[in-house]
Amino acid sequence: MSFLVIAVVSFVTGIFASLGLGGGMVLIIYLTVFAQMPQLQAQGINLIFFLPIAALSLYYHNKNHLIQWKKIVPILITGTIFVIIFSIIANKIDNSLLQKLFGGFVIIAGIKELFSKKRKD
């Protein structure tokens, strides 16, 4: 699969994500189902495309004083530790089991969204 195709699909899923449709999930599903990419590789590509968007979001939220750094630093530290631990575990899991776990996560997230009540701010 060419980088251009992945970049275009990632751009479209980014648009879906901005609409609240979960662009990362859409990208992973596309890469695994239609591009026949292994689950672990698809998740890695998804994370690579996530990093620039996260950095840009962090910049603008910090610029608008929306970040409480005292609360975020402990989350960053523990999150980084768990990312390392679970990436090691993911590398040891069979691809079909990893796909089933991801599918279960998508179904649970969908059910949660389906039955969650919208809050009015």
N, C-alpha and C. Protein backbone atom coordinates (compact mmCIF):
# COMPACT_ATOMS: atom_id res chain seq x y z
N MET A 1 0.86 -1.17 0.00
CA MET A 1 0.00 0.00 0.00
C MET A 1 0.90 1.23 0.00
N SER A 2 0.58 2.18 -0.83
CA SER A 2 1.44 3.35 -0.94
C SER A 2 1.18 4.32 0.21
N PHE A 3 2.19 5.12 0.48
CA PHE A 3 2.08 6.12 1.53
C PHE A 3 1.00 7.12 1.20
N LEU A 4 0.83 7.45 -0.09
CA LEU A 4 -0.18 8.42 -0.51
C LEU A 4 -1.59 7.94 -0.16
N VAL A 5 -1.87 6.67 -0.39
CA VAL A 5 -3.19 6.12 -0.06
C VAL A 5 -3.42 6.19 1.44
N ILE A 6 -2.42 5.81 2.21
CA ILE A 6 -2.54 5.88 3.67
C ILE A 6 -2.74 7.31 4.13
N ALA A 7 -2.02 8.26 3.51
CA ALA A 7 -2.16 9.67 3.89
C ALA A 7 -3.55 10.19 3.58
N VAL A 8 -4.10 9.83 2.42
CA VAL A 8 -5.46 10.28 2.05
C VAL A 8 -6.50 9.68 3.00
N VAL A 9 -6.38 8.40 3.27
CA VAL A 9 -7.32 7.75 4.19
C VAL A 9 -7.21 8.37 5.57
N SER A 10 -6.00 8.66 5.99
CA SER A 10 -5.80 9.29 7.29
C SER A 10 -6.40 10.68 7.34
N PHE A 11 -6.28 11.42 6.26
CA PHE A 11 -6.89 12.75 6.19
C PHE A 11 -8.40 12.66 6.32
N VAL A 12 -9.01 11.74 5.58
CA VAL A 12 -10.47 11.57 5.64
C VAL A 12 -10.91 11.14 7.04
N THR A 13 -10.17 10.21 7.64
CA THR A 13 -10.54 9.80 9.00
C THR A 13 -10.32 10.92 10.00
N GLY A 14 -9.36 11.79 9.73
CA GLY A 14 -9.19 12.98 10.58
C GLY A 14 -10.41 13.87 10.52
N ILE A 15 -10.99 14.00 9.34
CA ILE A 15 -12.23 14.78 9.20
C ILE A 15 -13.35 14.11 10.00
N PHE A 16 -13.46 12.76 9.87
CA PHE A 16 -14.46 12.04 10.65
C PHE A 16 -14.25 12.24 12.14
N ALA A 17 -12.98 12.21 12.57
CA ALA A 17 -12.69 12.39 13.99
C ALA A 17 -13.13 13.76 14.48
N SER A 18 -12.93 14.78 13.65
CA SER A 18 -13.34 16.12 14.06
C SER A 18 -14.86 16.23 14.17
N LEU A 19 -15.56 15.34 13.51
CA LEU A 19 -17.01 15.29 13.63
C LEU A 19 -17.47 14.41 14.79
N GLY A 20 -16.51 13.81 15.48
CA GLY A 20 -16.84 12.97 16.63
C GLY A 20 -17.07 11.52 16.27
N LEU A 21 -16.64 11.08 15.10
CA LEU A 21 -16.92 9.72 14.65
C LEU A 21 -15.79 8.75 14.95
N GLY A 22 -14.74 9.16 15.60
CA GLY A 22 -13.66 8.25 15.94
C GLY A 22 -12.79 7.90 14.75
N GLY A 23 -12.10 8.87 14.21
CA GLY A 23 -11.27 8.68 13.03
C GLY A 23 -10.21 7.61 13.19
N GLY A 24 -9.65 7.49 14.40
CA GLY A 24 -8.63 6.46 14.63
C GLY A 24 -9.19 5.07 14.47
N MET A 25 -10.39 4.86 14.98
CA MET A 25 -11.02 3.55 14.82
C MET A 25 -11.32 3.28 13.35
N VAL A 26 -11.79 4.30 12.64
CA VAL A 26 -12.09 4.13 11.23
C VAL A 26 -10.82 3.78 10.45
N LEU A 27 -9.74 4.45 10.77
CA LEU A 27 -8.47 4.17 10.09
C LEU A 27 -8.00 2.75 10.35
N ILE A 28 -8.06 2.31 11.59
CA ILE A 28 -7.63 0.95 11.93
C ILE A 28 -8.50 -0.08 11.23
N ILE A 29 -9.80 0.14 11.22
CA ILE A 29 -10.70 -0.78 10.55
C ILE A 29 -10.39 -0.82 9.05
N TYR A 30 -10.17 0.34 8.45
CA TYR A 30 -9.83 0.37 7.02
C TYR A 30 -8.54 -0.41 6.75
N LEU A 31 -7.52 -0.12 7.54
CA LEU A 31 -6.22 -0.75 7.29
C LEU A 31 -6.26 -2.27 7.48
N THR A 32 -7.03 -2.74 8.46
CA THR A 32 -7.07 -4.18 8.71
C THR A 32 -8.01 -4.91 7.76
N VAL A 33 -9.17 -4.34 7.48
CA VAL A 33 -10.17 -5.03 6.66
C VAL A 33 -9.89 -4.86 5.17
N PHE A 34 -9.69 -3.64 4.72
CA PHE A 34 -9.57 -3.39 3.29
C PHE A 34 -8.12 -3.46 2.79
N ALA A 35 -7.17 -3.04 3.60
CA ALA A 35 -5.77 -3.07 3.17
C ALA A 35 -5.07 -4.35 3.62
N GLN A 36 -5.79 -5.21 4.36
CA GLN A 36 -5.24 -6.49 4.84
C GLN A 36 -3.94 -6.33 5.63
N MET A 37 -3.85 -5.28 6.41
CA MET A 37 -2.66 -5.01 7.22
C MET A 37 -2.82 -5.68 8.58
N PRO A 38 -1.76 -6.24 9.13
CA PRO A 38 -1.86 -6.82 10.48
C PRO A 38 -2.31 -5.77 11.50
N GLN A 39 -3.08 -6.21 12.49
CA GLN A 39 -3.66 -5.32 13.49
C GLN A 39 -2.62 -4.46 14.19
N LEU A 40 -1.53 -5.06 14.62
CA LEU A 40 -0.50 -4.32 15.35
C LEU A 40 0.11 -3.22 14.49
N GLN A 41 0.36 -3.52 13.23
CA GLN A 41 0.92 -2.52 12.31
C GLN A 41 -0.08 -1.40 12.07
N ALA A 42 -1.36 -1.73 11.91
CA ALA A 42 -2.40 -0.72 11.70
C ALA A 42 -2.51 0.20 12.91
N GLN A 43 -2.43 -0.37 14.11
CA GLN A 43 -2.49 0.46 15.32
C GLN A 43 -1.26 1.36 15.41
N GLY A 44 -0.12 0.86 15.00
CA GLY A 44 1.08 1.68 15.00
C GLY A 44 0.99 2.86 14.05
N ILE A 45 0.47 2.60 12.85
CA ILE A 45 0.27 3.68 11.88
C ILE A 45 -0.72 4.70 12.41
N ASN A 46 -1.78 4.22 13.05
CA ASN A 46 -2.77 5.11 13.64
C ASN A 46 -2.11 6.03 14.68
N LEU A 47 -1.24 5.47 15.50
CA LEU A 47 -0.56 6.28 16.51
C LEU A 47 0.38 7.31 15.88
N ILE A 48 1.06 6.92 14.80
CA ILE A 48 1.95 7.86 14.12
C ILE A 48 1.17 9.05 13.58
N PHE A 49 0.00 8.79 12.99
CA PHE A 49 -0.82 9.89 12.47
C PHE A 49 -1.47 10.69 13.59
N PHE A 50 -1.60 10.11 14.75
CA PHE A 50 -2.21 10.80 15.90
C PHE A 50 -1.26 11.84 16.50
N LEU A 51 0.04 11.55 16.48
CA LEU A 51 1.01 12.41 17.17
C LEU A 51 1.00 13.87 16.71
N PRO A 52 1.02 14.18 15.41
CA PRO A 52 0.99 15.60 15.02
C PRO A 52 -0.28 16.31 15.44
N ILE A 53 -1.42 15.61 15.35
CA ILE A 53 -2.69 16.21 15.76
C ILE A 53 -2.69 16.47 17.26
N ALA A 54 -2.17 15.53 18.02
CA ALA A 54 -2.10 15.71 19.47
C ALA A 54 -1.19 16.88 19.83
N ALA A 55 -0.06 17.00 19.14
CA ALA A 55 0.87 18.10 19.41
C ALA A 55 0.22 19.45 19.09
N LEU A 56 -0.48 19.51 17.97
CA LEU A 56 -1.17 20.74 17.60
C LEU A 56 -2.27 21.08 18.60
N SER A 57 -3.03 20.09 19.02
CA SER A 57 -4.07 20.31 20.02
C SER A 57 -3.48 20.80 21.34
N LEU A 58 -2.39 20.18 21.74
CA LEU A 58 -1.73 20.59 22.98
C LEU A 58 -1.27 22.04 22.89
N TYR A 59 -0.72 22.42 21.75
CA TYR A 59 -0.26 23.80 21.56
C TYR A 59 -1.41 24.79 21.73
N TYR A 60 -2.52 24.53 21.04
CA TYR A 60 -3.64 25.48 21.10
C TYR A 60 -4.34 25.48 22.45
N HIS A 61 -4.48 24.33 23.07
CA HIS A 61 -5.10 24.30 24.40
C HIS A 61 -4.22 25.00 25.42
N ASN A 62 -2.91 24.84 25.30
CA ASN A 62 -1.99 25.54 26.21
C ASN A 62 -2.04 27.04 25.95
N LYS A 63 -2.08 27.43 24.71
CA LYS A 63 -2.15 28.85 24.34
C LYS A 63 -3.41 29.50 24.91
N ASN A 64 -4.51 28.76 24.96
CA ASN A 64 -5.78 29.28 25.48
C ASN A 64 -5.95 29.02 26.98
N HIS A 65 -4.86 28.61 27.63
CA HIS A 65 -4.84 28.36 29.09
C HIS A 65 -5.91 27.36 29.53
N LEU A 66 -6.07 26.30 28.75
CA LEU A 66 -7.05 25.27 29.06
C LEU A 66 -6.42 24.02 29.68
N ILE A 67 -5.12 24.05 29.90
CA ILE A 67 -4.43 22.88 30.43
C ILE A 67 -4.02 23.15 31.87
N GLN A 68 -4.35 22.20 32.74
CA GLN A 68 -3.94 22.27 34.14
C GLN A 68 -2.76 21.33 34.31
N TRP A 69 -1.56 21.87 34.17
CA TRP A 69 -0.34 21.06 34.12
C TRP A 69 -0.14 20.23 35.37
N LYS A 70 -0.55 20.73 36.54
CA LYS A 70 -0.38 19.96 37.79
C LYS A 70 -1.19 18.66 37.76
N LYS A 71 -2.29 18.66 37.04
CA LYS A 71 -3.10 17.44 36.93
C LYS A 71 -2.61 16.55 35.79
N ILE A 72 -2.05 17.15 34.77
CA ILE A 72 -1.67 16.39 33.58
C ILE A 72 -0.35 15.64 33.75
N VAL A 73 0.61 16.19 34.44
CA VAL A 73 1.92 15.55 34.56
C VAL A 73 1.83 14.14 35.15
N PRO A 74 1.10 13.91 36.25
CA PRO A 74 0.98 12.53 36.74
C PRO A 74 0.31 11.59 35.73
N ILE A 75 -0.66 12.12 34.99
CA ILE A 75 -1.34 11.31 33.98
C ILE A 75 -0.36 10.95 32.86
N LEU A 76 0.46 11.91 32.45
CA LEU A 76 1.45 11.65 31.41
C LEU A 76 2.45 10.58 31.84
N ILE A 77 2.89 10.67 33.07
CA ILE A 77 3.88 9.70 33.57
C ILE A 77 3.28 8.29 33.62
N THR A 78 2.11 8.16 34.25
CA THR A 78 1.50 6.83 34.36
C THR A 78 1.06 6.32 32.99
N GLY A 79 0.56 7.22 32.14
CA GLY A 79 0.15 6.82 30.79
C GLY A 79 1.32 6.29 29.98
N THR A 80 2.47 6.95 30.09
CA THR A 80 3.66 6.51 29.37
C THR A 80 4.11 5.14 29.85
N ILE A 81 4.07 4.92 31.14
CA ILE A 81 4.45 3.62 31.71
C ILE A 81 3.54 2.52 31.17
N PHE A 82 2.22 2.76 31.18
CA PHE A 82 1.28 1.74 30.71
C PHE A 82 1.36 1.54 29.20
N VAL A 83 1.67 2.58 28.44
CA VAL A 83 1.85 2.42 26.99
C VAL A 83 3.02 1.47 26.72
N ILE A 84 4.10 1.65 27.44
CA ILE A 84 5.26 0.77 27.27
C ILE A 84 4.89 -0.67 27.63
N ILE A 85 4.25 -0.85 28.78
CA ILE A 85 3.87 -2.20 29.22
C ILE A 85 2.94 -2.87 28.22
N PHE A 86 1.88 -2.18 27.79
CA PHE A 86 0.90 -2.81 26.91
C PHE A 86 1.40 -2.94 25.48
N SER A 87 2.35 -2.11 25.05
CA SER A 87 2.92 -2.32 23.72
C SER A 87 3.78 -3.58 23.70
N ILE A 88 4.45 -3.87 24.81
CA ILE A 88 5.21 -5.12 24.92
C ILE A 88 4.25 -6.31 24.89
N ILE A 89 3.14 -6.20 25.63
CA ILE A 89 2.14 -7.27 25.64
C ILE A 89 1.54 -7.44 24.24
N ALA A 90 1.21 -6.34 23.56
CA ALA A 90 0.59 -6.41 22.23
C ALA A 90 1.51 -7.09 21.23
N ASN A 91 2.81 -6.90 21.37
CA ASN A 91 3.76 -7.55 20.47
C ASN A 91 3.81 -9.06 20.67
N LYS A 92 3.38 -9.53 21.83
CA LYS A 92 3.41 -10.96 22.12
C LYS A 92 2.07 -11.65 21.83
N ILE A 93 1.01 -10.87 21.59
CA ILE A 93 -0.32 -11.42 21.33
C ILE A 93 -0.46 -11.76 19.85
N ASP A 94 -1.13 -12.86 19.57
CA ASP A 94 -1.42 -13.28 18.20
C ASP A 94 -2.31 -12.24 17.52
N ASN A 95 -2.09 -12.01 16.24
CA ASN A 95 -2.82 -10.99 15.49
C ASN A 95 -4.33 -11.21 15.53
N SER A 96 -4.79 -12.45 15.43
CA SER A 96 -6.24 -12.69 15.44
C SER A 96 -6.86 -12.35 16.79
N LEU A 97 -6.15 -12.64 17.88
CA LEU A 97 -6.65 -12.27 19.21
C LEU A 97 -6.67 -10.76 19.37
N LEU A 98 -5.63 -10.10 18.86
CA LEU A 98 -5.57 -8.63 18.94
C LEU A 98 -6.72 -8.01 18.16
N GLN A 99 -7.07 -8.59 17.00
CA GLN A 99 -8.20 -8.10 16.22
C GLN A 99 -9.51 -8.29 16.99
N LYS A 100 -9.67 -9.42 17.64
CA LYS A 100 -10.89 -9.67 18.41
C LYS A 100 -11.00 -8.71 19.59
N LEU A 101 -9.89 -8.46 20.27
CA LEU A 101 -9.90 -7.52 21.39
C LEU A 101 -10.27 -6.12 20.91
N PHE A 102 -9.69 -5.70 19.78
CA PHE A 102 -10.01 -4.38 19.23
C PHE A 102 -11.48 -4.33 18.80
N GLY A 103 -11.97 -5.39 18.16
CA GLY A 103 -13.37 -5.44 17.75
C GLY A 103 -14.30 -5.34 18.95
N GLY A 104 -13.97 -6.03 20.03
CA GLY A 104 -14.76 -5.94 21.25
C GLY A 104 -14.76 -4.53 21.82
N PHE A 105 -13.60 -3.89 21.77
CA PHE A 105 -13.50 -2.50 22.25
C PHE A 105 -14.39 -1.58 21.41
N VAL A 106 -14.36 -1.75 20.08
CA VAL A 106 -15.18 -0.92 19.20
C VAL A 106 -16.66 -1.14 19.48
N ILE A 107 -17.06 -2.38 19.69
CA ILE A 107 -18.47 -2.68 19.98
C ILE A 107 -18.89 -2.06 21.31
N ILE A 108 -18.06 -2.19 22.33
CA ILE A 108 -18.38 -1.60 23.64
C ILE A 108 -18.47 -0.08 23.54
N ALA A 109 -17.54 0.53 22.82
CA ALA A 109 -17.56 1.99 22.65
C ALA A 109 -18.82 2.42 21.89
N GLY A 110 -19.20 1.64 20.87
CA GLY A 110 -20.40 1.96 20.10
C GLY A 110 -21.66 1.86 20.94
N ILE A 111 -21.76 0.81 21.74
CA ILE A 111 -22.93 0.64 22.62
C ILE A 111 -22.99 1.76 23.64
N LYS A 112 -21.84 2.11 24.19
CA LYS A 112 -21.79 3.21 25.16
C LYS A 112 -22.28 4.51 24.52
N GLU A 113 -21.82 4.80 23.31
CA GLU A 113 -22.24 6.01 22.61
C GLU A 113 -23.72 5.97 22.27
N LEU A 114 -24.20 4.81 21.90
CA LEU A 114 -25.60 4.65 21.52
C LEU A 114 -26.53 4.95 22.69
N PHE A 115 -26.14 4.53 23.88
CA PHE A 115 -27.02 4.68 25.04
C PHE A 115 -26.64 5.83 25.98
N SER A 116 -25.60 6.59 25.64
CA SER A 116 -25.23 7.71 26.50
C SER A 116 -26.13 8.91 26.22
N LYS A 117 -26.39 9.63 27.27
CA LYS A 117 -27.24 10.82 27.13
C LYS A 117 -26.35 12.01 26.85
N LYS A 118 -26.82 12.87 25.96
CA LYS A 118 -26.08 14.08 25.62
C LYS A 118 -26.24 15.08 26.76
N ARG A 119 -25.12 15.69 27.14
CA ARG A 119 -25.16 16.72 28.18
C ARG A 119 -25.30 18.09 27.54
N LYS A 120 -26.01 18.93 28.19
CA LYS A 120 -26.08 20.33 27.75
C LYS A 120 -25.15 21.13 28.63
N ASP A 121 -24.25 21.84 28.00
CA ASP A 121 -23.27 22.64 28.77
C ASP A 121 -23.90 23.94 29.24
